[in-house]
Amino acid sequence: MDSFLEFLKLVFPASLVLYGMYLAIKVMVSKSLLAKELDLKQKSLEITLPVRMQAFERITLFLERISTDNLLVRINKPGMTAAVLHNDILEEVRNEFNHNVAQQVYLSVDLWSMVVTAKEDLVTKVNATFEEIDSEATSLEYAKKLLEQTIASDIDSIGLALSSLKEELSKYYQI
């Protein structure tokens, strides 16, 4: 029995020291892993932040470029027919959208949905207005009617998408 107590006198302190070392190493390793994880997140943020900011800029530009007044100023030329202007507007909206479709990767699902809805609302409004005018109308008559429809509209889906974009941007970048 004496030898057993002597053995415990040696093993017990050694096991306490060993356990203490285990805890110290465990804490050091977890701190090291946490520091590496934070460093990785920081590097990732440094890479994605500018790209994401550019996506917000491009979607803002897209929404501004497809607003009715901006489209008409850019596309309508003297002597155009309403049919040509109608086709040119739809083509411009499609091209702008296709050029920026990859930006959805950097936006929330809800925000991208609002951008798509804004585009679709515009296309619907452009088509509905074209159906309301005379088949021989000039582009100026069509443009005037389209602007009237836009002003009379209760919902400004492009404006809503822009304000939602600004809200989301402020969440990420504290603007």
N, C-alpha and C. Protein backbone atom coordinates (compact mmCIF):
# COMPACT_ATOMS: atom_id res chain seq x y z
N MET A 1 0.80 -1.17 0.00
CA MET A 1 0.00 0.00 0.00
C MET A 1 0.85 1.26 0.00
N ASP A 2 1.99 1.21 0.74
CA ASP A 2 2.90 2.36 0.75
C ASP A 2 3.43 2.67 -0.64
N SER A 3 3.72 1.64 -1.36
CA SER A 3 4.26 1.87 -2.71
C SER A 3 3.19 2.49 -3.62
N PHE A 4 1.95 2.11 -3.36
CA PHE A 4 0.87 2.69 -4.16
C PHE A 4 0.72 4.17 -3.86
N LEU A 5 0.80 4.57 -2.60
CA LEU A 5 0.73 5.98 -2.22
C LEU A 5 1.91 6.76 -2.77
N GLU A 6 3.08 6.15 -2.73
CA GLU A 6 4.27 6.80 -3.30
C GLU A 6 4.07 7.00 -4.81
N PHE A 7 3.52 5.99 -5.42
CA PHE A 7 3.26 6.07 -6.86
C PHE A 7 2.26 7.20 -7.16
N LEU A 8 1.21 7.32 -6.35
CA LEU A 8 0.22 8.39 -6.53
C LEU A 8 0.83 9.76 -6.26
N LYS A 9 1.75 9.84 -5.30
CA LYS A 9 2.41 11.11 -5.00
C LYS A 9 3.21 11.58 -6.22
N LEU A 10 3.71 10.69 -7.00
CA LEU A 10 4.47 11.06 -8.19
C LEU A 10 3.55 11.28 -9.40
N VAL A 11 2.58 10.42 -9.59
CA VAL A 11 1.73 10.46 -10.78
C VAL A 11 0.71 11.60 -10.71
N PHE A 12 0.14 11.83 -9.54
CA PHE A 12 -0.90 12.86 -9.42
C PHE A 12 -0.38 14.25 -9.76
N PRO A 13 0.74 14.70 -9.18
CA PRO A 13 1.24 16.03 -9.58
C PRO A 13 1.66 16.06 -11.06
N ALA A 14 2.23 14.97 -11.52
CA ALA A 14 2.63 14.93 -12.93
C ALA A 14 1.41 15.03 -13.84
N SER A 15 0.33 14.35 -13.46
CA SER A 15 -0.88 14.39 -14.29
C SER A 15 -1.52 15.78 -14.23
N LEU A 16 -1.44 16.46 -13.08
CA LEU A 16 -1.95 17.83 -12.99
C LEU A 16 -1.14 18.77 -13.88
N VAL A 17 0.16 18.63 -13.85
CA VAL A 17 1.02 19.45 -14.71
C VAL A 17 0.71 19.17 -16.19
N LEU A 18 0.57 17.91 -16.52
CA LEU A 18 0.26 17.50 -17.89
C LEU A 18 -1.10 18.06 -18.33
N TYR A 19 -2.09 17.99 -17.45
CA TYR A 19 -3.40 18.52 -17.76
C TYR A 19 -3.34 20.04 -17.93
N GLY A 20 -2.59 20.71 -17.08
CA GLY A 20 -2.42 22.16 -17.19
C GLY A 20 -1.76 22.53 -18.51
N MET A 21 -0.77 21.76 -18.90
CA MET A 21 -0.10 22.01 -20.18
C MET A 21 -1.09 21.79 -21.34
N TYR A 22 -1.91 20.75 -21.23
CA TYR A 22 -2.91 20.47 -22.26
C TYR A 22 -3.85 21.66 -22.41
N LEU A 23 -4.34 22.20 -21.29
CA LEU A 23 -5.26 23.34 -21.34
C LEU A 23 -4.57 24.57 -21.93
N ALA A 24 -3.32 24.81 -21.54
CA ALA A 24 -2.59 25.96 -22.06
C ALA A 24 -2.38 25.84 -23.57
N ILE A 25 -2.00 24.66 -24.02
CA ILE A 25 -1.79 24.45 -25.46
C ILE A 25 -3.11 24.58 -26.21
N LYS A 26 -4.19 24.06 -25.62
CA LYS A 26 -5.51 24.14 -26.26
C LYS A 26 -5.92 25.60 -26.43
N VAL A 27 -5.71 26.42 -25.42
CA VAL A 27 -6.05 27.84 -25.50
C VAL A 27 -5.19 28.54 -26.55
N MET A 28 -3.90 28.23 -26.57
CA MET A 28 -3.00 28.86 -27.55
C MET A 28 -3.40 28.47 -28.98
N VAL A 29 -3.73 27.23 -29.19
CA VAL A 29 -4.11 26.76 -30.53
C VAL A 29 -5.42 27.41 -30.96
N SER A 30 -6.38 27.48 -30.05
CA SER A 30 -7.67 28.09 -30.42
C SER A 30 -7.51 29.58 -30.71
N LYS A 31 -6.66 30.27 -29.96
CA LYS A 31 -6.39 31.68 -30.24
C LYS A 31 -5.70 31.84 -31.58
N SER A 32 -4.77 30.95 -31.85
CA SER A 32 -4.07 31.00 -33.13
C SER A 32 -5.02 30.76 -34.30
N LEU A 33 -5.91 29.77 -34.15
CA LEU A 33 -6.89 29.49 -35.20
C LEU A 33 -7.86 30.66 -35.38
N LEU A 34 -8.26 31.28 -34.28
CA LEU A 34 -9.15 32.42 -34.35
C LEU A 34 -8.46 33.59 -35.06
N ALA A 35 -7.20 33.82 -34.74
CA ALA A 35 -6.45 34.90 -35.38
C ALA A 35 -6.30 34.63 -36.88
N LYS A 36 -6.04 33.39 -37.24
CA LYS A 36 -5.92 33.05 -38.66
C LYS A 36 -7.25 33.22 -39.37
N GLU A 37 -8.34 32.84 -38.71
CA GLU A 37 -9.67 32.98 -39.30
C GLU A 37 -10.02 34.45 -39.51
N LEU A 38 -9.71 35.28 -38.52
CA LEU A 38 -9.96 36.71 -38.66
C LEU A 38 -9.11 37.32 -39.76
N ASP A 39 -7.86 36.88 -39.87
CA ASP A 39 -6.98 37.36 -40.92
C ASP A 39 -7.51 36.97 -42.30
N LEU A 40 -8.00 35.74 -42.41
CA LEU A 40 -8.57 35.27 -43.66
C LEU A 40 -9.81 36.07 -44.04
N LYS A 41 -10.67 36.34 -43.06
CA LYS A 41 -11.86 37.14 -43.31
C LYS A 41 -11.48 38.56 -43.74
N GLN A 42 -10.46 39.12 -43.13
CA GLN A 42 -10.01 40.46 -43.46
C GLN A 42 -9.48 40.50 -44.89
N LYS A 43 -8.67 39.51 -45.26
CA LYS A 43 -8.15 39.46 -46.63
C LYS A 43 -9.27 39.26 -47.64
N SER A 44 -10.23 38.44 -47.28
CA SER A 44 -11.38 38.21 -48.16
C SER A 44 -12.17 39.50 -48.34
N LEU A 45 -12.36 40.22 -47.26
CA LEU A 45 -13.08 41.49 -47.32
C LEU A 45 -12.34 42.50 -48.18
N GLU A 46 -11.02 42.53 -48.07
CA GLU A 46 -10.22 43.45 -48.88
C GLU A 46 -10.37 43.16 -50.37
N ILE A 47 -10.59 41.91 -50.70
CA ILE A 47 -10.75 41.53 -52.11
C ILE A 47 -12.18 41.79 -52.58
N THR A 48 -13.16 41.38 -51.78
CA THR A 48 -14.55 41.46 -52.22
C THR A 48 -15.18 42.84 -52.05
N LEU A 49 -14.71 43.63 -51.13
CA LEU A 49 -15.31 44.94 -50.89
C LEU A 49 -15.31 45.81 -52.15
N PRO A 50 -14.19 45.99 -52.82
CA PRO A 50 -14.22 46.83 -54.03
C PRO A 50 -15.11 46.25 -55.13
N VAL A 51 -15.12 44.94 -55.28
CA VAL A 51 -15.94 44.31 -56.31
C VAL A 51 -17.42 44.48 -55.99
N ARG A 52 -17.75 44.31 -54.74
CA ARG A 52 -19.14 44.46 -54.33
C ARG A 52 -19.59 45.91 -54.48
N MET A 53 -18.73 46.83 -54.11
CA MET A 53 -19.05 48.25 -54.27
C MET A 53 -19.27 48.57 -55.75
N GLN A 54 -18.44 48.01 -56.61
CA GLN A 54 -18.60 48.22 -58.05
C GLN A 54 -19.94 47.65 -58.53
N ALA A 55 -20.37 46.54 -57.97
CA ALA A 55 -21.66 45.96 -58.35
C ALA A 55 -22.80 46.91 -57.98
N PHE A 56 -22.73 47.50 -56.80
CA PHE A 56 -23.74 48.46 -56.40
C PHE A 56 -23.75 49.66 -57.34
N GLU A 57 -22.56 50.11 -57.72
CA GLU A 57 -22.46 51.24 -58.65
C GLU A 57 -23.07 50.88 -60.01
N ARG A 58 -22.76 49.70 -60.49
CA ARG A 58 -23.26 49.29 -61.80
C ARG A 58 -24.77 49.11 -61.81
N ILE A 59 -25.32 48.57 -60.74
CA ILE A 59 -26.78 48.41 -60.68
C ILE A 59 -27.45 49.78 -60.56
N THR A 60 -26.84 50.69 -59.82
CA THR A 60 -27.37 52.05 -59.75
C THR A 60 -27.38 52.69 -61.13
N LEU A 61 -26.28 52.55 -61.85
CA LEU A 61 -26.19 53.09 -63.20
C LEU A 61 -27.23 52.43 -64.11
N PHE A 62 -27.40 51.12 -64.00
CA PHE A 62 -28.40 50.40 -64.79
C PHE A 62 -29.79 50.98 -64.55
N LEU A 63 -30.15 51.12 -63.28
CA LEU A 63 -31.49 51.63 -62.94
C LEU A 63 -31.68 53.07 -63.44
N GLU A 64 -30.65 53.87 -63.33
CA GLU A 64 -30.74 55.24 -63.83
C GLU A 64 -30.86 55.26 -65.35
N ARG A 65 -30.12 54.41 -66.03
CA ARG A 65 -30.13 54.38 -67.49
C ARG A 65 -31.45 53.86 -68.05
N ILE A 66 -32.17 53.02 -67.30
CA ILE A 66 -33.45 52.53 -67.82
C ILE A 66 -34.64 53.35 -67.35
N SER A 67 -34.40 54.42 -66.63
CA SER A 67 -35.53 55.28 -66.26
C SER A 67 -36.08 55.89 -67.54
N THR A 68 -37.38 56.07 -67.58
CA THR A 68 -38.05 56.49 -68.81
C THR A 68 -37.47 57.77 -69.39
N ASP A 69 -37.29 58.78 -68.55
CA ASP A 69 -36.79 60.05 -69.08
C ASP A 69 -35.38 59.91 -69.65
N ASN A 70 -34.51 59.16 -68.99
CA ASN A 70 -33.16 58.97 -69.51
C ASN A 70 -33.16 58.16 -70.81
N LEU A 71 -33.99 57.14 -70.88
CA LEU A 71 -34.09 56.36 -72.12
C LEU A 71 -34.54 57.23 -73.29
N LEU A 72 -35.57 58.02 -73.07
CA LEU A 72 -36.10 58.84 -74.15
C LEU A 72 -35.11 59.89 -74.62
N VAL A 73 -34.39 60.49 -73.70
CA VAL A 73 -33.40 61.49 -74.08
C VAL A 73 -32.28 60.85 -74.91
N ARG A 74 -31.88 59.66 -74.52
CA ARG A 74 -30.78 58.98 -75.22
C ARG A 74 -31.19 58.39 -76.56
N ILE A 75 -32.39 57.86 -76.64
CA ILE A 75 -32.76 57.05 -77.80
C ILE A 75 -33.57 57.82 -78.84
N ASN A 76 -34.49 58.65 -78.39
CA ASN A 76 -35.38 59.33 -79.33
C ASN A 76 -34.62 60.30 -80.22
N LYS A 77 -34.79 60.12 -81.52
CA LYS A 77 -34.16 60.99 -82.52
C LYS A 77 -35.26 61.60 -83.38
N PRO A 78 -35.05 62.78 -83.88
CA PRO A 78 -36.05 63.41 -84.76
C PRO A 78 -36.32 62.53 -85.99
N GLY A 79 -37.58 62.43 -86.34
CA GLY A 79 -37.96 61.68 -87.52
C GLY A 79 -38.22 60.20 -87.29
N MET A 80 -38.02 59.71 -86.07
CA MET A 80 -38.28 58.31 -85.76
C MET A 80 -39.78 58.06 -85.70
N THR A 81 -40.16 56.85 -86.01
CA THR A 81 -41.56 56.46 -85.80
C THR A 81 -41.70 55.91 -84.40
N ALA A 82 -42.92 55.81 -83.94
CA ALA A 82 -43.18 55.26 -82.61
C ALA A 82 -42.74 53.80 -82.54
N ALA A 83 -42.95 53.06 -83.63
CA ALA A 83 -42.57 51.64 -83.65
C ALA A 83 -41.06 51.47 -83.51
N VAL A 84 -40.30 52.31 -84.19
CA VAL A 84 -38.84 52.22 -84.10
C VAL A 84 -38.38 52.59 -82.70
N LEU A 85 -38.95 53.65 -82.15
CA LEU A 85 -38.59 54.05 -80.78
C LEU A 85 -38.94 52.95 -79.79
N HIS A 86 -40.10 52.36 -79.94
CA HIS A 86 -40.54 51.27 -79.08
C HIS A 86 -39.52 50.12 -79.12
N ASN A 87 -39.16 49.70 -80.31
CA ASN A 87 -38.18 48.61 -80.45
C ASN A 87 -36.82 48.98 -79.89
N ASP A 88 -36.40 50.22 -80.14
CA ASP A 88 -35.10 50.66 -79.64
C ASP A 88 -35.07 50.71 -78.10
N ILE A 89 -36.17 51.14 -77.50
CA ILE A 89 -36.25 51.18 -76.03
C ILE A 89 -36.14 49.77 -75.47
N LEU A 90 -36.93 48.84 -76.02
CA LEU A 90 -36.90 47.47 -75.52
C LEU A 90 -35.51 46.84 -75.71
N GLU A 91 -34.89 47.11 -76.84
CA GLU A 91 -33.55 46.56 -77.09
C GLU A 91 -32.52 47.15 -76.12
N GLU A 92 -32.63 48.44 -75.87
CA GLU A 92 -31.71 49.10 -74.94
C GLU A 92 -31.86 48.54 -73.52
N VAL A 93 -33.10 48.34 -73.08
CA VAL A 93 -33.35 47.80 -71.75
C VAL A 93 -32.79 46.38 -71.65
N ARG A 94 -33.05 45.57 -72.66
CA ARG A 94 -32.52 44.19 -72.66
C ARG A 94 -30.99 44.19 -72.63
N ASN A 95 -30.38 45.02 -73.46
CA ASN A 95 -28.92 45.07 -73.50
C ASN A 95 -28.33 45.53 -72.17
N GLU A 96 -28.92 46.57 -71.59
CA GLU A 96 -28.44 47.06 -70.29
C GLU A 96 -28.57 45.98 -69.22
N PHE A 97 -29.70 45.30 -69.23
CA PHE A 97 -29.93 44.25 -68.23
C PHE A 97 -28.93 43.11 -68.43
N ASN A 98 -28.79 42.64 -69.66
CA ASN A 98 -27.86 41.54 -69.93
C ASN A 98 -26.43 41.91 -69.59
N HIS A 99 -26.08 43.17 -69.76
CA HIS A 99 -24.73 43.62 -69.45
C HIS A 99 -24.45 43.60 -67.94
N ASN A 100 -25.52 43.71 -67.14
CA ASN A 100 -25.35 43.80 -65.68
C ASN A 100 -25.89 42.61 -64.91
N VAL A 101 -26.32 41.57 -65.60
CA VAL A 101 -26.98 40.44 -64.92
C VAL A 101 -26.04 39.74 -63.94
N ALA A 102 -24.76 39.73 -64.19
CA ALA A 102 -23.82 39.04 -63.29
C ALA A 102 -23.68 39.73 -61.94
N GLN A 103 -24.13 40.97 -61.84
CA GLN A 103 -24.00 41.71 -60.58
C GLN A 103 -24.91 41.15 -59.49
N GLN A 104 -25.87 40.30 -59.88
CA GLN A 104 -26.78 39.73 -58.89
C GLN A 104 -26.05 38.90 -57.84
N VAL A 105 -24.87 38.44 -58.18
CA VAL A 105 -24.07 37.64 -57.25
C VAL A 105 -23.73 38.45 -56.00
N TYR A 106 -23.59 39.74 -56.15
CA TYR A 106 -23.16 40.60 -55.04
C TYR A 106 -24.31 41.28 -54.31
N LEU A 107 -25.55 41.05 -54.77
CA LEU A 107 -26.71 41.68 -54.15
C LEU A 107 -27.52 40.64 -53.40
N SER A 108 -28.33 41.11 -52.47
CA SER A 108 -29.23 40.19 -51.78
C SER A 108 -30.30 39.73 -52.77
N VAL A 109 -30.92 38.61 -52.45
CA VAL A 109 -31.96 38.05 -53.31
C VAL A 109 -33.12 39.04 -53.44
N ASP A 110 -33.50 39.66 -52.34
CA ASP A 110 -34.61 40.62 -52.36
C ASP A 110 -34.29 41.84 -53.23
N LEU A 111 -33.08 42.34 -53.12
CA LEU A 111 -32.70 43.51 -53.91
C LEU A 111 -32.66 43.15 -55.39
N TRP A 112 -32.09 42.00 -55.74
CA TRP A 112 -32.05 41.60 -57.14
C TRP A 112 -33.47 41.42 -57.68
N SER A 113 -34.34 40.89 -56.86
CA SER A 113 -35.74 40.73 -57.27
C SER A 113 -36.37 42.09 -57.57
N MET A 114 -36.05 43.08 -56.77
CA MET A 114 -36.58 44.43 -57.02
C MET A 114 -36.03 45.02 -58.31
N VAL A 115 -34.76 44.75 -58.61
CA VAL A 115 -34.16 45.24 -59.86
C VAL A 115 -34.85 44.59 -61.06
N VAL A 116 -35.07 43.29 -60.98
CA VAL A 116 -35.75 42.58 -62.07
C VAL A 116 -37.18 43.09 -62.21
N THR A 117 -37.85 43.31 -61.11
CA THR A 117 -39.22 43.83 -61.14
C THR A 117 -39.26 45.22 -61.77
N ALA A 118 -38.29 46.05 -61.45
CA ALA A 118 -38.22 47.40 -62.04
C ALA A 118 -38.08 47.30 -63.56
N LYS A 119 -37.22 46.41 -64.02
CA LYS A 119 -37.03 46.23 -65.46
C LYS A 119 -38.31 45.71 -66.10
N GLU A 120 -38.92 44.72 -65.50
CA GLU A 120 -40.14 44.14 -66.06
C GLU A 120 -41.30 45.13 -66.05
N ASP A 121 -41.41 45.93 -65.00
CA ASP A 121 -42.45 46.97 -64.96
C ASP A 121 -42.25 47.98 -66.09
N LEU A 122 -41.02 48.35 -66.33
CA LEU A 122 -40.73 49.29 -67.41
C LEU A 122 -41.12 48.69 -68.76
N VAL A 123 -40.74 47.45 -69.01
CA VAL A 123 -41.07 46.79 -70.27
C VAL A 123 -42.58 46.70 -70.44
N THR A 124 -43.28 46.37 -69.37
CA THR A 124 -44.74 46.29 -69.42
C THR A 124 -45.34 47.65 -69.75
N LYS A 125 -44.83 48.69 -69.11
CA LYS A 125 -45.33 50.05 -69.35
C LYS A 125 -45.03 50.49 -70.79
N VAL A 126 -43.84 50.18 -71.28
CA VAL A 126 -43.46 50.54 -72.65
C VAL A 126 -44.38 49.85 -73.65
N ASN A 127 -44.63 48.56 -73.44
CA ASN A 127 -45.50 47.81 -74.35
C ASN A 127 -46.96 48.28 -74.27
N ALA A 128 -47.46 48.50 -73.06
CA ALA A 128 -48.85 48.94 -72.89
C ALA A 128 -49.06 50.31 -73.53
N THR A 129 -48.11 51.20 -73.36
CA THR A 129 -48.23 52.54 -73.95
C THR A 129 -48.19 52.46 -75.46
N PHE A 130 -47.36 51.61 -76.00
CA PHE A 130 -47.28 51.46 -77.46
C PHE A 130 -48.60 50.94 -78.03
N GLU A 131 -49.26 50.06 -77.30
CA GLU A 131 -50.54 49.53 -77.76
C GLU A 131 -51.65 50.57 -77.73
N GLU A 132 -51.49 51.59 -76.91
CA GLU A 132 -52.51 52.63 -76.78
C GLU A 132 -52.44 53.69 -77.86
N ILE A 133 -51.30 53.83 -78.53
CA ILE A 133 -51.16 54.91 -79.51
C ILE A 133 -51.51 54.43 -80.91
N ASP A 134 -51.69 55.39 -81.79
CA ASP A 134 -51.99 55.11 -83.19
C ASP A 134 -50.79 54.45 -83.86
N SER A 135 -51.05 53.55 -84.78
CA SER A 135 -49.96 52.81 -85.45
C SER A 135 -49.07 53.73 -86.29
N GLU A 136 -49.56 54.89 -86.66
CA GLU A 136 -48.77 55.83 -87.48
C GLU A 136 -48.19 56.97 -86.63
N ALA A 137 -48.20 56.83 -85.34
CA ALA A 137 -47.75 57.91 -84.45
C ALA A 137 -46.25 58.15 -84.60
N THR A 138 -45.86 59.36 -84.29
CA THR A 138 -44.44 59.70 -84.32
C THR A 138 -43.80 59.30 -82.99
N SER A 139 -42.50 59.28 -82.98
CA SER A 139 -41.80 58.94 -81.75
C SER A 139 -42.05 59.99 -80.67
N LEU A 140 -42.24 61.23 -81.09
CA LEU A 140 -42.50 62.29 -80.13
C LEU A 140 -43.84 62.08 -79.42
N GLU A 141 -44.86 61.67 -80.17
CA GLU A 141 -46.16 61.38 -79.57
C GLU A 141 -46.06 60.20 -78.60
N TYR A 142 -45.34 59.19 -79.03
CA TYR A 142 -45.15 58.01 -78.18
C TYR A 142 -44.37 58.37 -76.91
N ALA A 143 -43.32 59.15 -77.08
CA ALA A 143 -42.50 59.55 -75.93
C ALA A 143 -43.32 60.37 -74.94
N LYS A 144 -44.14 61.28 -75.48
CA LYS A 144 -44.99 62.11 -74.62
C LYS A 144 -45.97 61.23 -73.84
N LYS A 145 -46.60 60.29 -74.51
CA LYS A 145 -47.56 59.38 -73.87
C LYS A 145 -46.86 58.51 -72.81
N LEU A 146 -45.66 58.03 -73.14
CA LEU A 146 -44.90 57.20 -72.20
C LEU A 146 -44.52 57.99 -70.95
N LEU A 147 -44.10 59.22 -71.13
CA LEU A 147 -43.77 60.07 -69.98
C LEU A 147 -45.02 60.34 -69.13
N GLU A 148 -46.16 60.58 -69.79
CA GLU A 148 -47.40 60.80 -69.05
C GLU A 148 -47.76 59.57 -68.24
N GLN A 149 -47.62 58.39 -68.84
CA GLN A 149 -47.92 57.14 -68.13
C GLN A 149 -46.98 56.97 -66.93
N THR A 150 -45.73 57.31 -67.12
CA THR A 150 -44.74 57.17 -66.04
C THR A 150 -45.07 58.11 -64.89
N ILE A 151 -45.42 59.33 -65.21
CA ILE A 151 -45.74 60.31 -64.17
C ILE A 151 -47.03 59.92 -63.45
N ALA A 152 -48.00 59.41 -64.21
CA ALA A 152 -49.29 59.04 -63.62
C ALA A 152 -49.23 57.74 -62.82
N SER A 153 -48.19 56.98 -62.99
CA SER A 153 -48.07 55.68 -62.31
C SER A 153 -47.96 55.86 -60.80
N ASP A 154 -48.69 55.03 -60.09
CA ASP A 154 -48.66 55.08 -58.62
C ASP A 154 -47.37 54.50 -58.04
N ILE A 155 -46.81 53.54 -58.75
CA ILE A 155 -45.63 52.84 -58.24
C ILE A 155 -44.42 53.17 -59.11
N ASP A 156 -43.37 53.65 -58.47
CA ASP A 156 -42.12 53.92 -59.16
C ASP A 156 -41.15 52.79 -58.78
N SER A 157 -41.21 51.69 -59.53
CA SER A 157 -40.41 50.51 -59.18
C SER A 157 -38.91 50.78 -59.32
N ILE A 158 -38.52 51.65 -60.23
CA ILE A 158 -37.10 51.99 -60.36
C ILE A 158 -36.66 52.78 -59.14
N GLY A 159 -37.47 53.73 -58.71
CA GLY A 159 -37.15 54.50 -57.50
C GLY A 159 -37.11 53.63 -56.26
N LEU A 160 -38.04 52.68 -56.17
CA LEU A 160 -38.03 51.75 -55.02
C LEU A 160 -36.77 50.89 -55.03
N ALA A 161 -36.39 50.41 -56.21
CA ALA A 161 -35.18 49.58 -56.30
C ALA A 161 -33.95 50.41 -55.93
N LEU A 162 -33.90 51.65 -56.38
CA LEU A 162 -32.76 52.52 -56.03
C LEU A 162 -32.69 52.79 -54.53
N SER A 163 -33.82 53.05 -53.91
CA SER A 163 -33.80 53.31 -52.47
C SER A 163 -33.45 52.04 -51.69
N SER A 164 -33.91 50.89 -52.15
CA SER A 164 -33.54 49.62 -51.50
C SER A 164 -32.05 49.34 -51.68
N LEU A 165 -31.54 49.68 -52.83
CA LEU A 165 -30.11 49.50 -53.09
C LEU A 165 -29.29 50.37 -52.12
N LYS A 166 -29.73 51.59 -51.92
CA LYS A 166 -29.03 52.48 -50.99
C LYS A 166 -29.11 51.96 -49.56
N GLU A 167 -30.28 51.41 -49.20
CA GLU A 167 -30.43 50.82 -47.86
C GLU A 167 -29.48 49.66 -47.65
N GLU A 168 -29.43 48.76 -48.64
CA GLU A 168 -28.54 47.61 -48.52
C GLU A 168 -27.09 48.05 -48.48
N LEU A 169 -26.76 49.03 -49.27
CA LEU A 169 -25.39 49.55 -49.29
C LEU A 169 -25.02 50.13 -47.93
N SER A 170 -25.95 50.82 -47.30
CA SER A 170 -25.65 51.40 -45.99
C SER A 170 -25.49 50.34 -44.91
N LYS A 171 -26.15 49.20 -45.07
CA LYS A 171 -25.98 48.11 -44.10
C LYS A 171 -24.55 47.57 -44.13
N TYR A 172 -24.00 47.47 -45.33
CA TYR A 172 -22.68 46.89 -45.48
C TYR A 172 -21.56 47.88 -45.25
N TYR A 173 -21.77 49.13 -45.59
CA TYR A 173 -20.66 50.07 -45.65
C TYR A 173 -20.81 51.28 -44.74
N GLN A 174 -21.85 51.30 -43.92
CA GLN A 174 -22.06 52.37 -42.94
C GLN A 174 -21.97 53.75 -43.58
N ILE A 175 -22.70 53.93 -44.67
CA ILE A 175 -22.69 55.21 -45.38
C ILE A 175 -23.75 56.11 -44.80
